[in-house]
Amino acid sequence: MRFARSVVAAVALLATVGAFAQDKVSFRLNWYLGGLHVPFYYGKDRGFYAAEGIDLTINEGRGSANTVQVVAAGSDTFGLADSSSVVLTASKGADVKSVMSLLNTTGFSVVSLAEAPIRTPKDLVGKKVAVSPGDPLGQLLQAVCKANDVDCGRISLVQVDPAAKVVAVLEKKADALLGGADDQFFLIKYKGATPHAMRYADYGANIVGMTIMTSSDTIARKPDLVRRFVRATVRSWEEAKKNPGAAVDAAMKAKPDLNRQSTLDQLMVDIDLLDSQASKGRIGWGAQADWDQTLAILRNYRELKTDKPWTAFHTNEFVP
């Protein structure tokens, strides 16, 4: 009996120690909380990260490029950023690597009003298209043009601030904008207009979309932490797919002023972007074909200077 009591006491002590031994992890988003970010808040709310021994703090971001720099500097443990920002920054020496190829189809799109006759790349000829300075969508539009035998020089790109792109289209100062099927599309919709999105991915210019990355130092020193974080994130997205409404409600606990329906609509688009033709079936798993195409497009249109293979920028080793 004394032995049994000792065993029970020891188990209780281990459980207590475990409860206080969670790894503190900070996760930097690419932007302000929106539909893309809902599953992470859902996973935290449901205890999926805690079950993996992770005490998770989620921080909003100020753009993918900034998120990559913050993670490379060690200010956050993990970050959410588009593949082009990860690859371009890593190619210049930043200590980062993708550990989840989250959205394997890009949401980059030409977004217009449905009443505008823009359905294919050839329809862009002679049109005014709003784009923000430094926005990668403008450069990647060149890939769409080449794949569809369109002279990009005959498309008028109008430089505007990011927040002004939607206004320019609604006020018909521009025929379309370069933006996201899960972002500006819904900003137009919830202004009372009917939008249309012509996705880059449907016209020969797909690149890996959003990735989750961390520093190479974290991968080397704390591989088990990376594996647990990835496992919890996969579970969070799987459960958000099953219960998208409940997932949005969890995110709204963190930001009550979110437009619930718009956020839900955005999430459903992002769920649709999880897979590509090459990567179906495993959340977070990246296909070589997708990454090779991403690197090729970045070399041709984003001035990527590297001869490194795709495995220098992404690894599947932590995906369950």
Protein backbone atom coordinates (compact mmCIF):
# COMPACT_ATOMS: atom_id res chain seq x y z
CA MET A 1 0.00 0.00 0.00
CA ARG A 2 2.86 2.35 0.85
CA PHE A 3 4.43 1.50 -2.51
CA ALA A 4 1.12 2.18 -4.29
CA ARG A 5 0.74 5.52 -2.51
CA SER A 6 4.32 6.42 -3.47
CA VAL A 7 3.60 5.64 -7.11
CA VAL A 8 0.43 7.75 -7.08
CA ALA A 9 2.31 10.61 -5.42
CA ALA A 10 5.10 10.38 -7.97
CA VAL A 11 2.65 10.42 -10.89
CA ALA A 12 0.84 13.39 -9.37
CA LEU A 13 4.15 15.20 -8.94
CA LEU A 14 5.14 14.53 -12.55
CA ALA A 15 1.76 15.79 -13.74
CA THR A 16 2.17 18.94 -11.67
CA VAL A 17 5.68 19.52 -12.98
CA GLY A 18 4.42 18.91 -16.54
CA ALA A 19 1.69 21.47 -16.05
CA PHE A 20 4.27 24.13 -15.23
CA ALA A 21 6.91 23.01 -17.74
CA GLN A 22 5.26 24.19 -20.93
CA ASP A 23 7.49 25.85 -23.51
CA LYS A 24 6.69 29.50 -24.01
CA VAL A 25 6.31 30.08 -27.75
CA SER A 26 5.51 33.26 -29.65
CA PHE A 27 3.96 33.08 -33.10
CA ARG A 28 4.00 36.13 -35.38
CA LEU A 29 1.23 36.41 -37.97
CA ASN A 30 1.78 38.02 -41.36
CA TRP A 31 -0.93 40.65 -40.79
CA TYR A 32 -3.82 41.72 -38.59
CA LEU A 33 -6.19 38.96 -37.50
CA GLY A 34 -8.34 37.74 -40.40
CA GLY A 35 -9.77 34.53 -41.79
CA LEU A 36 -6.35 33.03 -42.51
CA HIS A 37 -5.43 33.24 -38.84
CA VAL A 38 -8.61 31.78 -37.34
CA PRO A 39 -7.36 28.16 -36.98
CA PHE A 40 -4.42 29.25 -34.79
CA TYR A 41 -6.73 31.03 -32.34
CA TYR A 42 -9.08 28.03 -32.45
CA GLY A 43 -6.22 25.67 -31.63
CA LYS A 44 -5.15 27.81 -28.72
CA ASP A 45 -8.73 28.12 -27.46
CA ARG A 46 -9.31 24.36 -27.71
CA GLY A 47 -6.04 23.56 -25.92
CA PHE A 48 -4.35 21.82 -28.84
CA TYR A 49 -1.08 23.70 -28.30
CA ALA A 50 -1.25 23.26 -24.53
CA ALA A 51 -1.70 19.50 -25.08
CA GLU A 52 1.65 19.56 -26.89
CA GLY A 53 3.33 21.34 -23.97
CA ILE A 54 3.22 24.76 -25.63
CA ASP A 55 2.21 28.01 -23.95
CA LEU A 56 1.37 29.95 -27.14
CA THR A 57 1.29 33.72 -27.60
CA ILE A 58 -0.04 34.92 -30.98
CA ASN A 59 1.14 38.32 -32.20
CA GLU A 60 -0.36 40.20 -35.13
CA GLY A 61 2.01 41.10 -37.96
CA ARG A 62 2.83 43.98 -40.30
CA GLY A 63 3.53 42.10 -43.50
CA SER A 64 5.30 38.86 -44.42
CA ALA A 65 8.70 40.47 -45.01
CA ASN A 66 8.63 42.01 -41.55
CA THR A 67 7.57 38.71 -39.97
CA VAL A 68 10.50 36.88 -41.59
CA GLN A 69 12.92 39.46 -40.24
CA VAL A 70 11.44 39.29 -36.73
CA VAL A 71 11.73 35.49 -36.62
CA ALA A 72 15.25 35.58 -38.09
CA ALA A 73 16.24 38.00 -35.33
CA GLY A 74 14.87 35.62 -32.69
CA SER A 75 12.14 37.98 -31.44
CA ASP A 76 9.44 35.36 -32.21
CA THR A 77 9.78 31.58 -32.29
CA PHE A 78 7.62 30.93 -35.35
CA GLY A 79 6.11 33.09 -38.05
CA LEU A 80 3.52 33.01 -40.81
CA ALA A 81 4.77 34.44 -44.11
CA ASP A 82 4.34 33.96 -47.84
CA SER A 83 6.88 31.70 -49.54
CA SER A 84 8.42 34.46 -51.64
CA SER A 85 9.30 36.49 -48.53
CA VAL A 86 10.85 33.43 -46.87
CA VAL A 87 12.87 32.41 -49.93
CA LEU A 88 14.06 35.88 -50.91
CA THR A 89 15.09 36.80 -47.37
CA ALA A 90 16.73 33.43 -46.67
CA SER A 91 18.64 33.62 -49.98
CA LYS A 92 20.24 36.81 -48.68
CA GLY A 93 21.46 35.14 -45.50
CA ALA A 94 18.50 35.26 -43.09
CA ASP A 95 18.43 32.30 -40.70
CA VAL A 96 14.93 31.03 -41.53
CA LYS A 97 13.33 27.95 -43.06
CA SER A 98 9.76 26.86 -43.76
CA VAL A 99 8.58 23.91 -41.65
CA MET A 100 5.00 23.91 -42.97
CA SER A 101 3.91 24.54 -46.53
CA LEU A 102 0.50 25.71 -45.37
CA LEU A 103 -1.31 27.18 -48.39
CA ASN A 104 0.04 25.35 -51.42
CA THR A 105 -2.00 27.44 -53.84
CA THR A 106 -1.57 31.18 -53.89
CA GLY A 107 -4.56 33.45 -53.37
CA PHE A 108 -2.91 36.20 -55.47
CA SER A 109 -5.55 37.48 -57.84
CA VAL A 110 -6.71 40.23 -60.14
CA VAL A 111 -9.81 41.44 -58.29
CA SER A 112 -12.42 43.48 -60.12
CA LEU A 113 -16.10 44.27 -59.98
CA ALA A 114 -18.13 41.44 -61.50
CA GLU A 115 -19.64 43.91 -63.96
CA ALA A 116 -16.19 44.59 -65.43
CA PRO A 117 -15.33 42.35 -68.40
CA ILE A 118 -12.18 40.88 -66.82
CA ARG A 119 -12.27 37.11 -66.89
CA THR A 120 -8.94 36.12 -68.49
CA PRO A 121 -5.47 37.71 -68.63
CA LYS A 122 -6.11 38.93 -72.18
CA ASP A 123 -8.97 41.06 -70.80
CA LEU A 124 -6.42 43.13 -68.87
CA VAL A 125 -4.99 44.72 -72.00
CA GLY A 126 -5.81 48.44 -71.99
CA LYS A 127 -7.11 48.34 -68.40
CA LYS A 128 -6.02 50.31 -65.33
CA VAL A 129 -4.98 48.04 -62.46
CA ALA A 130 -4.30 49.31 -58.91
CA VAL A 131 -1.13 48.00 -57.24
CA SER A 132 0.84 49.09 -54.17
CA PRO A 133 4.51 50.16 -54.36
CA GLY A 134 6.81 47.23 -53.63
CA ASP A 135 3.90 44.79 -53.86
CA PRO A 136 5.12 41.40 -55.22
CA LEU A 137 1.84 40.94 -57.06
CA GLY A 138 2.91 43.47 -59.68
CA GLN A 139 6.09 41.58 -60.49
CA LEU A 140 4.37 38.20 -60.46
CA LEU A 141 1.74 39.49 -62.88
CA GLN A 142 4.56 39.26 -65.42
CA ALA A 143 4.44 35.47 -65.00
CA VAL A 144 0.71 35.46 -65.69
CA CYS A 145 1.27 37.55 -68.82
CA LYS A 146 4.03 35.29 -70.14
CA ALA A 147 2.04 32.11 -69.51
CA ASN A 148 -0.92 33.54 -71.42
CA ASP A 149 0.86 35.39 -74.25
CA VAL A 150 -0.18 38.83 -73.02
CA ASP A 151 1.91 42.00 -73.36
CA CYS A 152 2.10 43.32 -69.79
CA GLY A 153 3.29 46.63 -71.20
CA ARG A 154 -0.25 47.21 -72.44
CA ILE A 155 -1.63 47.02 -68.90
CA SER A 156 -1.59 50.30 -66.97
CA LEU A 157 -0.45 49.72 -63.38
CA VAL A 158 -1.67 52.52 -61.10
CA GLN A 159 0.43 52.92 -57.92
CA VAL A 160 -1.72 53.48 -54.81
CA ASP A 161 -1.44 52.87 -51.05
CA PRO A 162 -2.61 49.40 -49.94
CA ALA A 163 -5.82 50.67 -48.33
CA ALA A 164 -6.63 52.72 -51.43
CA LYS A 165 -6.75 49.78 -53.84
CA VAL A 166 -10.30 48.78 -52.94
CA VAL A 167 -11.45 52.41 -53.00
CA ALA A 168 -9.93 52.89 -56.46
CA VAL A 169 -11.94 49.96 -57.82
CA LEU A 170 -15.18 50.92 -56.08
CA GLU A 171 -14.89 54.51 -57.34
CA LYS A 172 -13.92 53.16 -60.79
CA LYS A 173 -10.63 54.98 -60.84
CA ALA A 174 -9.15 51.59 -61.63
CA ASP A 175 -10.69 48.64 -63.49
CA ALA A 176 -9.16 46.10 -61.11
CA LEU A 177 -6.63 45.64 -58.32
CA LEU A 178 -3.92 43.14 -57.56
CA GLY A 179 -4.78 41.50 -54.25
CA GLY A 180 -6.03 38.39 -52.51
CA ALA A 181 -8.98 36.12 -53.19
CA ASP A 182 -9.26 35.84 -49.40
CA ASP A 183 -8.72 39.53 -48.66
CA GLN A 184 -9.60 42.44 -50.99
CA PHE A 185 -12.25 40.29 -52.64
CA PHE A 186 -14.27 40.35 -49.42
CA LEU A 187 -13.47 43.96 -48.65
CA ILE A 188 -15.28 44.80 -51.88
CA LYS A 189 -18.09 42.36 -51.19
CA TYR A 190 -18.85 43.81 -47.78
CA LYS A 191 -18.92 47.30 -49.22
CA GLY A 192 -22.03 46.18 -51.06
CA ALA A 193 -20.52 45.47 -54.48
CA THR A 194 -20.12 42.14 -56.30
CA PRO A 195 -16.44 41.20 -56.83
CA HIS A 196 -14.73 38.79 -59.19
CA ALA A 197 -11.30 37.20 -58.66
CA MET A 198 -9.08 35.96 -61.46
CA ARG A 199 -6.51 33.85 -59.63
CA TYR A 200 -2.89 33.73 -60.72
CA ALA A 201 -2.84 30.00 -59.92
CA ASP A 202 -5.52 29.31 -62.55
CA TYR A 203 -3.44 30.95 -65.27
CA GLY A 204 -0.05 29.31 -65.00
CA ALA A 205 1.50 31.32 -62.19
CA ASN A 206 0.97 29.35 -59.02
CA ILE A 207 3.51 29.65 -56.23
CA VAL A 208 3.41 28.22 -52.73
CA GLY A 209 1.29 30.63 -50.69
CA MET A 210 1.64 30.94 -46.94
CA THR A 211 4.24 29.03 -44.96
CA ILE A 212 5.12 28.64 -41.30
CA MET A 213 8.79 29.17 -40.65
CA THR A 214 11.28 29.30 -37.84
CA SER A 215 15.00 29.86 -37.50
CA SER A 216 17.50 27.18 -38.47
CA ASP A 217 18.87 27.56 -34.95
CA THR A 218 15.51 26.55 -33.45
CA ILE A 219 15.34 23.57 -35.81
CA ALA A 220 18.82 22.46 -34.76
CA ARG A 221 18.46 23.03 -31.01
CA LYS A 222 14.77 22.29 -30.44
CA PRO A 223 13.54 19.85 -33.09
CA ASP A 224 11.03 18.33 -30.68
CA LEU A 225 9.47 21.75 -30.06
CA VAL A 226 9.16 22.32 -33.80
CA ARG A 227 7.55 18.91 -34.24
CA ARG A 228 5.04 19.56 -31.44
CA PHE A 229 4.17 23.02 -32.79
CA VAL A 230 3.61 21.65 -36.29
CA ARG A 231 1.52 18.78 -34.93
CA ALA A 232 -0.70 21.17 -32.94
CA THR A 233 -1.06 23.44 -35.96
CA VAL A 234 -2.08 20.59 -38.24
CA ARG A 235 -4.69 19.56 -35.69
CA SER A 236 -5.93 23.16 -35.40
CA TRP A 237 -6.48 23.41 -39.15
CA GLU A 238 -8.08 19.97 -39.35
CA GLU A 239 -10.57 20.87 -36.63
CA ALA A 240 -11.21 24.33 -38.13
CA LYS A 241 -12.10 22.63 -41.43
CA LYS A 242 -14.68 20.52 -39.57
CA ASN A 243 -16.09 23.42 -37.52
CA PRO A 244 -15.34 26.71 -39.33
CA GLY A 245 -18.09 28.65 -37.54
CA ALA A 246 -16.86 27.59 -34.11
CA ALA A 247 -13.31 28.44 -35.14
CA VAL A 248 -14.33 31.98 -36.10
CA ASP A 249 -16.15 32.37 -32.77
CA ALA A 250 -12.93 31.43 -30.96
CA ALA A 251 -10.98 34.06 -32.91
CA MET A 252 -13.60 36.67 -32.10
CA LYS A 253 -12.86 36.19 -28.41
CA ALA A 254 -9.48 37.76 -29.18
CA LYS A 255 -10.90 40.45 -31.49
CA PRO A 256 -14.64 41.00 -30.93
CA ASP A 257 -14.95 43.71 -33.59
CA LEU A 258 -14.26 41.29 -36.45
CA ASN A 259 -16.97 41.01 -39.11
CA ARG A 260 -17.98 37.42 -38.42
CA GLN A 261 -19.38 36.59 -41.85
CA SER A 262 -16.51 38.19 -43.72
CA THR A 263 -13.98 36.37 -41.53
CA LEU A 264 -15.79 33.07 -42.11
CA ASP A 265 -15.83 33.68 -45.88
CA GLN A 266 -12.10 34.38 -45.83
CA LEU A 267 -11.42 31.21 -43.85
CA MET A 268 -13.35 29.09 -46.35
CA VAL A 269 -11.24 30.44 -49.21
CA ASP A 270 -8.04 29.72 -47.28
CA ILE A 271 -9.19 26.16 -46.59
CA ASP A 272 -9.66 25.80 -50.35
CA LEU A 273 -6.07 27.03 -50.87
CA LEU A 274 -4.49 24.44 -48.55
CA ASP A 275 -3.99 21.96 -51.39
CA SER A 276 -2.44 22.15 -54.81
CA GLN A 277 -2.74 19.48 -57.49
CA ALA A 278 0.59 18.10 -56.31
CA SER A 279 0.15 18.25 -52.54
CA LYS A 280 -3.35 17.02 -51.73
CA GLY A 281 -3.92 15.09 -48.53
CA ARG A 282 -1.53 16.37 -45.87
CA ILE A 283 -1.83 19.78 -44.23
CA GLY A 284 1.59 21.41 -44.11
CA TRP A 285 3.31 19.04 -46.54
CA GLY A 286 5.07 20.70 -49.48
CA ALA A 287 5.42 19.04 -52.88
CA GLN A 288 8.72 19.37 -54.73
CA ALA A 289 6.87 20.32 -57.92
CA ASP A 290 5.24 23.30 -56.18
CA TRP A 291 8.46 24.49 -54.59
CA ASP A 292 10.48 24.03 -57.79
CA GLN A 293 7.93 26.11 -59.69
CA THR A 294 7.98 28.74 -56.95
CA LEU A 295 11.77 29.07 -57.17
CA ALA A 296 11.64 29.24 -60.98
CA ILE A 297 9.06 32.04 -60.93
CA LEU A 298 10.98 33.96 -58.26
CA ARG A 299 14.19 33.65 -60.28
CA ASN A 300 12.48 34.99 -63.39
CA TYR A 301 10.29 37.70 -61.88
CA ARG A 302 11.53 38.57 -58.37
CA GLU A 303 15.29 38.62 -59.03
CA LEU A 304 15.99 35.62 -56.81
CA LYS A 305 19.72 34.88 -56.91
CA THR A 306 20.35 31.34 -55.72
CA ASP A 307 21.26 27.94 -57.10
CA LYS A 308 20.16 26.17 -53.93
CA PRO A 309 17.47 23.44 -54.17
CA TRP A 310 13.99 23.79 -52.71
CA THR A 311 15.03 21.79 -49.64
CA ALA A 312 17.24 24.71 -48.59
CA PHE A 313 14.07 26.73 -47.97
CA HIS A 314 11.50 24.15 -46.82
CA THR A 315 11.49 20.84 -44.97
CA ASN A 316 8.73 18.25 -44.56
CA GLU A 317 10.50 16.44 -41.74
CA PHE A 318 8.21 17.82 -39.01
CA VAL A 319 4.85 17.24 -40.73
CA PRO A 320 3.03 14.27 -39.16
